[in-house]
Amino acid sequence: MQWLEAIILGLIQGLTEFIPISSSGHLVIAQTFMSGASDHLFLEFINIGTMLALFVFFRKRIWGILQDIFIHKKYKLALNIIITVLPAGLLGFFLADFIGETPFFSSAVVVVFTLAIVGIIMVIVEKLPKLSPINDGEGLSKSRALIIGLAQALALIPGVSRSGSTILSGRFMGLSSAEAAEYSFLASLPIMLGVTLKVLVGDTDYLIANAGTLFVSNLVAFIAGLVAVGFLMKYLSKHSLAIFGWYRIGLALVLAVVLLVQ
């Protein structure tokens, strides 16, 4: 992989992993246009940079959760996060090879449809009925936490967006946009950590062969990710998801035209 392509992919990963416009969708599209095909392993490895950005940004919140568990013996939030993580974690673990080898999961056409569908939901979400309001992730019932987890599992499909699916489902479960985003990111950390450990242990030859470009791409993704998550948390404290929905719809239309004329 060329250095410029690695930088571009790292920038896309960092900016789109947390903003609910689908990092996987943007990366599949970018690789398709730059290389003609999607390198699934490279995309898994550059999750490391954004995972570290999330740990840095939420370090105080994570430390508070650990104190709750080991000092105050309060397990509700941690248990909810585990419940939310299970569907995507189990599917990702057992279907990882299938996902990596199946053209459906690297298809630009699939990305067009999922960008548009989730975008439409984002635009109208505030007008749809929701469950009774709750203050934060700790207030979720086990069933609500599981529903958010099932939505997170849908993000295995490119273009859906892990943050988009979990923030949307969090809104339907009664969280505010900002609280839904925070819970979404906390629940994504175990998934990202699991993916990182899997590729580090199982694909060391690939890591060694591409160490230089992976380092640069992850460094760019880390910096861009910090900027993106900070922006989103501040934005959602005062605004809805609608602007991201309109972006997704517009991008889907542009991509559909490009694919049709190719």
Protein backbone atom coordinates (compact mmCIF):
# COMPACT_ATOMS: atom_id res chain seq x y z
CA MET A 1 0.00 0.00 0.00
CA GLN A 2 1.24 3.48 -0.86
CA TRP A 3 1.99 6.01 1.90
CA LEU A 4 -0.51 8.55 0.62
CA GLU A 5 -3.26 5.94 0.55
CA ALA A 6 -2.40 4.91 4.13
CA ILE A 7 -2.65 8.54 5.29
CA ILE A 8 -5.96 9.05 3.51
CA LEU A 9 -7.42 5.85 4.96
CA GLY A 10 -6.22 6.78 8.46
CA LEU A 11 -7.82 10.20 8.15
CA ILE A 12 -11.11 8.69 6.94
CA GLN A 13 -11.05 6.12 9.75
CA GLY A 14 -10.41 8.75 12.42
CA LEU A 15 -13.03 11.21 11.20
CA THR A 16 -15.80 8.68 10.48
CA GLU A 17 -15.41 6.02 13.18
CA PHE A 18 -17.19 8.16 15.79
CA ILE A 19 -19.26 10.50 13.64
CA PRO A 20 -22.30 8.37 12.65
CA ILE A 21 -21.71 8.35 8.91
CA SER A 22 -20.06 4.89 8.73
CA SER A 23 -16.29 4.46 8.78
CA SER A 24 -16.52 1.03 7.13
CA GLY A 25 -18.67 2.43 4.34
CA HIS A 26 -16.31 5.34 3.65
CA LEU A 27 -13.25 3.07 3.81
CA VAL A 28 -14.74 0.50 1.42
CA ILE A 29 -15.58 3.29 -1.02
CA ALA A 30 -12.13 4.92 -0.67
CA GLN A 31 -10.25 1.66 -1.20
CA THR A 32 -12.48 0.72 -4.10
CA PHE A 33 -11.68 3.96 -5.91
CA MET A 34 -7.98 4.07 -4.97
CA SER A 35 -7.01 0.40 -5.27
CA GLY A 36 -9.96 -1.24 -7.00
CA ALA A 37 -10.57 -3.55 -4.02
CA SER A 38 -11.01 -3.46 -0.26
CA ASP A 39 -8.18 -4.76 1.99
CA HIS A 40 -10.19 -6.07 4.95
CA LEU A 41 -7.16 -6.73 7.16
CA PHE A 42 -5.79 -3.21 6.76
CA LEU A 43 -9.16 -1.80 7.78
CA GLU A 44 -9.19 -3.98 10.89
CA PHE A 45 -5.68 -2.93 11.89
CA ILE A 46 -6.38 0.80 11.64
CA ASN A 47 -9.07 0.39 14.30
CA ILE A 48 -6.16 0.51 16.77
CA GLY A 49 -5.66 4.25 16.36
CA THR A 50 -9.30 5.12 16.90
CA MET A 51 -9.57 2.69 19.81
CA LEU A 52 -6.68 4.48 21.55
CA ALA A 53 -8.32 7.84 20.83
CA LEU A 54 -11.48 6.62 22.56
CA PHE A 55 -9.54 5.40 25.60
CA VAL A 56 -7.77 8.77 25.87
CA PHE A 57 -10.93 10.85 25.44
CA PHE A 58 -13.01 8.85 27.94
CA ARG A 59 -10.15 8.02 30.33
CA LYS A 60 -11.83 9.70 33.32
CA ARG A 61 -15.16 8.04 32.59
CA ILE A 62 -13.50 4.64 32.21
CA TRP A 63 -11.57 5.15 35.44
CA GLY A 64 -14.84 6.02 37.18
CA ILE A 65 -16.47 2.80 35.92
CA LEU A 66 -13.50 0.76 37.16
CA GLN A 67 -13.75 2.44 40.56
CA ASP A 68 -17.46 1.66 40.67
CA ILE A 69 -16.72 -2.01 39.98
CA PHE A 70 -13.74 -2.65 42.23
CA ILE A 71 -14.21 -0.07 45.03
CA HIS A 72 -17.89 0.83 45.26
CA LYS A 73 -19.19 -2.59 44.12
CA LYS A 74 -21.59 -0.95 41.64
CA TYR A 75 -22.01 -3.15 38.58
CA LYS A 76 -25.11 -1.85 36.77
CA LEU A 77 -23.41 0.17 34.04
CA ALA A 78 -20.69 -2.43 33.46
CA LEU A 79 -23.32 -5.18 33.22
CA ASN A 80 -25.35 -3.15 30.72
CA ILE A 81 -22.24 -2.62 28.59
CA ILE A 82 -21.51 -6.37 28.64
CA ILE A 83 -25.08 -7.13 27.55
CA THR A 84 -24.80 -4.57 24.74
CA VAL A 85 -21.45 -5.96 23.58
CA LEU A 86 -22.50 -9.63 23.41
CA PRO A 87 -24.48 -9.75 20.11
CA ALA A 88 -21.85 -8.00 17.97
CA GLY A 89 -19.00 -9.65 19.87
CA LEU A 90 -20.29 -13.17 19.33
CA LEU A 91 -21.23 -12.60 15.69
CA GLY A 92 -17.89 -10.93 14.97
CA PHE A 93 -15.97 -13.76 16.66
CA PHE A 94 -17.72 -16.64 14.91
CA LEU A 95 -18.27 -14.97 11.53
CA ALA A 96 -15.03 -13.00 11.17
CA ASP A 97 -13.63 -15.19 8.39
CA PHE A 98 -16.97 -15.31 6.59
CA ILE A 99 -17.26 -11.51 6.73
CA GLY A 100 -13.72 -11.03 5.47
CA GLU A 101 -14.19 -13.41 2.53
CA THR A 102 -17.73 -12.52 1.45
CA PRO A 103 -18.07 -9.83 -1.27
CA PHE A 104 -21.31 -8.56 0.32
CA PHE A 105 -19.33 -7.07 3.22
CA SER A 106 -17.02 -5.11 0.92
CA SER A 107 -19.59 -4.05 -1.66
CA ALA A 108 -19.96 -0.38 -2.60
CA VAL A 109 -23.53 -1.11 -3.69
CA VAL A 110 -24.43 -2.38 -0.21
CA VAL A 111 -22.86 0.77 1.25
CA VAL A 112 -25.08 2.98 -0.93
CA PHE A 113 -28.26 1.31 0.35
CA THR A 114 -27.27 1.24 4.02
CA LEU A 115 -26.05 4.85 3.96
CA ALA A 116 -29.43 5.95 2.63
CA ILE A 117 -31.62 3.79 4.88
CA VAL A 118 -29.88 4.71 8.14
CA GLY A 119 -29.68 8.33 6.98
CA ILE A 120 -33.45 8.51 6.53
CA ILE A 121 -33.97 7.12 10.04
CA MET A 122 -31.59 9.75 11.45
CA VAL A 123 -33.52 12.55 9.78
CA ILE A 124 -36.89 11.43 11.19
CA VAL A 125 -35.79 9.91 14.53
CA GLU A 126 -36.86 12.88 16.65
CA LYS A 127 -40.44 12.54 15.32
CA LEU A 128 -40.70 8.81 16.09
CA PRO A 129 -42.02 7.36 19.38
CA LYS A 130 -39.48 6.46 22.06
CA LEU A 131 -39.50 4.61 25.36
CA SER A 132 -39.65 6.50 28.66
CA PRO A 133 -36.68 8.87 29.14
CA ILE A 134 -33.67 7.76 31.21
CA ASN A 135 -30.67 9.79 32.34
CA ASP A 136 -27.72 7.62 31.33
CA GLY A 137 -26.50 4.14 30.43
CA GLU A 138 -26.70 3.00 34.02
CA GLY A 139 -30.47 3.59 33.94
CA LEU A 140 -31.01 1.21 31.02
CA SER A 141 -32.90 -1.97 31.75
CA LYS A 142 -31.29 -5.21 30.61
CA SER A 143 -33.76 -5.52 27.74
CA ARG A 144 -33.01 -1.98 26.52
CA ALA A 145 -29.26 -2.65 26.74
CA LEU A 146 -29.77 -5.82 24.67
CA ILE A 147 -31.74 -3.96 22.00
CA ILE A 148 -28.87 -1.47 21.64
CA GLY A 149 -26.54 -4.47 21.36
CA LEU A 150 -28.61 -5.99 18.57
CA ALA A 151 -28.45 -2.66 16.75
CA GLN A 152 -24.68 -2.62 17.20
CA ALA A 153 -24.51 -6.06 15.57
CA LEU A 154 -26.11 -4.58 12.43
CA ALA A 155 -22.98 -2.45 12.04
CA LEU A 156 -21.17 -5.54 10.77
CA ILE A 157 -22.88 -4.59 7.50
CA PRO A 158 -20.79 -1.86 5.79
CA GLY A 159 -22.43 1.53 5.66
CA VAL A 160 -24.63 1.03 8.73
CA SER A 161 -22.18 2.64 11.20
CA ARG A 162 -21.50 1.24 14.66
CA SER A 163 -21.90 4.63 16.31
CA GLY A 164 -24.91 5.46 14.14
CA SER A 165 -26.80 2.25 14.93
CA THR A 166 -26.13 2.42 18.67
CA ILE A 167 -26.83 6.14 19.03
CA LEU A 168 -30.09 5.74 17.13
CA SER A 169 -31.17 2.74 19.20
CA GLY A 170 -30.11 4.58 22.36
CA ARG A 171 -32.41 7.44 21.37
CA PHE A 172 -35.29 5.01 20.90
CA MET A 173 -34.49 3.48 24.30
CA GLY A 174 -34.93 6.89 26.00
CA LEU A 175 -31.42 8.35 26.15
CA SER A 176 -30.64 11.88 25.01
CA SER A 177 -28.44 12.23 21.92
CA ALA A 178 -25.34 13.04 23.99
CA GLU A 179 -25.93 10.24 26.52
CA ALA A 180 -26.67 7.81 23.70
CA ALA A 181 -23.36 8.78 22.07
CA GLU A 182 -21.38 8.31 25.29
CA TYR A 183 -22.98 4.91 25.93
CA SER A 184 -22.37 3.96 22.28
CA PHE A 185 -18.66 4.71 22.58
CA LEU A 186 -18.26 2.95 25.92
CA ALA A 187 -20.00 -0.12 24.49
CA SER A 188 -17.82 -0.06 21.37
CA LEU A 189 -14.55 -0.24 23.33
CA PRO A 190 -14.72 -3.98 24.18
CA ILE A 191 -15.55 -4.74 20.53
CA MET A 192 -12.64 -2.65 19.27
CA LEU A 193 -10.31 -4.20 21.83
CA GLY A 194 -11.42 -7.70 20.81
CA VAL A 195 -10.83 -6.95 17.10
CA THR A 196 -7.40 -5.52 17.92
CA LEU A 197 -6.32 -8.56 19.96
CA LYS A 198 -7.60 -10.90 17.26
CA VAL A 199 -5.63 -9.32 14.43
CA LEU A 200 -2.50 -8.83 16.55
CA VAL A 201 -2.46 -12.50 17.51
CA GLY A 202 -3.75 -14.02 14.28
CA ASP A 203 -2.24 -11.80 11.58
CA THR A 204 1.26 -10.97 12.78
CA ASP A 205 2.77 -11.67 9.34
CA TYR A 206 0.52 -9.03 7.79
CA LEU A 207 1.42 -6.59 10.58
CA ILE A 208 5.15 -7.08 10.06
CA ALA A 209 4.89 -6.81 6.28
CA ASN A 210 2.90 -3.55 6.48
CA ALA A 211 4.30 -2.10 9.72
CA GLY A 212 5.28 1.26 8.28
CA THR A 213 2.04 2.14 6.53
CA LEU A 214 -0.02 0.75 9.42
CA PHE A 215 1.85 2.91 11.94
CA VAL A 216 1.33 6.07 9.89
CA SER A 217 -2.33 5.25 9.21
CA ASN A 218 -3.03 4.57 12.89
CA LEU A 219 -1.25 7.74 14.00
CA VAL A 220 -3.41 9.80 11.64
CA ALA A 221 -6.52 7.89 12.77
CA PHE A 222 -5.67 8.55 16.45
CA ILE A 223 -5.31 12.31 15.99
CA ALA A 224 -8.36 12.63 13.73
CA GLY A 225 -10.37 10.39 16.07
CA LEU A 226 -9.70 12.62 19.07
CA VAL A 227 -10.90 15.63 17.10
CA ALA A 228 -13.98 13.79 15.81
CA VAL A 229 -15.21 12.37 19.12
CA GLY A 230 -14.72 15.73 20.84
CA PHE A 231 -16.68 17.47 18.12
CA LEU A 232 -19.53 14.94 18.18
CA MET A 233 -20.01 14.98 21.96
CA LYS A 234 -20.15 18.78 21.95
CA TYR A 235 -22.45 18.90 18.91
CA LEU A 236 -24.95 16.34 20.21
CA SER A 237 -25.29 18.17 23.52
CA LYS A 238 -27.29 20.81 21.62
CA HIS A 239 -28.32 19.25 18.30
CA SER A 240 -29.97 16.16 16.82
CA LEU A 241 -28.64 13.55 14.38
CA ALA A 242 -30.48 15.05 11.40
CA ILE A 243 -27.46 16.73 9.78
CA PHE A 244 -25.62 13.40 9.66
CA GLY A 245 -28.67 11.77 8.16
CA TRP A 246 -28.83 14.33 5.37
CA TYR A 247 -25.11 13.84 4.72
CA ARG A 248 -25.59 10.09 4.42
CA ILE A 249 -28.52 10.49 2.03
CA GLY A 250 -26.62 12.97 -0.13
CA LEU A 251 -23.52 10.77 -0.24
CA ALA A 252 -25.62 7.72 -1.15
CA LEU A 253 -27.16 9.60 -4.07
CA VAL A 254 -23.76 10.76 -5.35
CA LEU A 255 -22.29 7.25 -5.07
CA ALA A 256 -25.29 5.71 -6.79
CA VAL A 257 -24.79 8.03 -9.77
CA VAL A 258 -21.04 7.31 -9.86
CA LEU A 259 -21.59 3.55 -9.76
CA LEU A 260 -24.24 3.71 -12.46
CA VAL A 261 -22.07 5.63 -14.92
CA GLN A 262 -18.94 3.52 -14.39
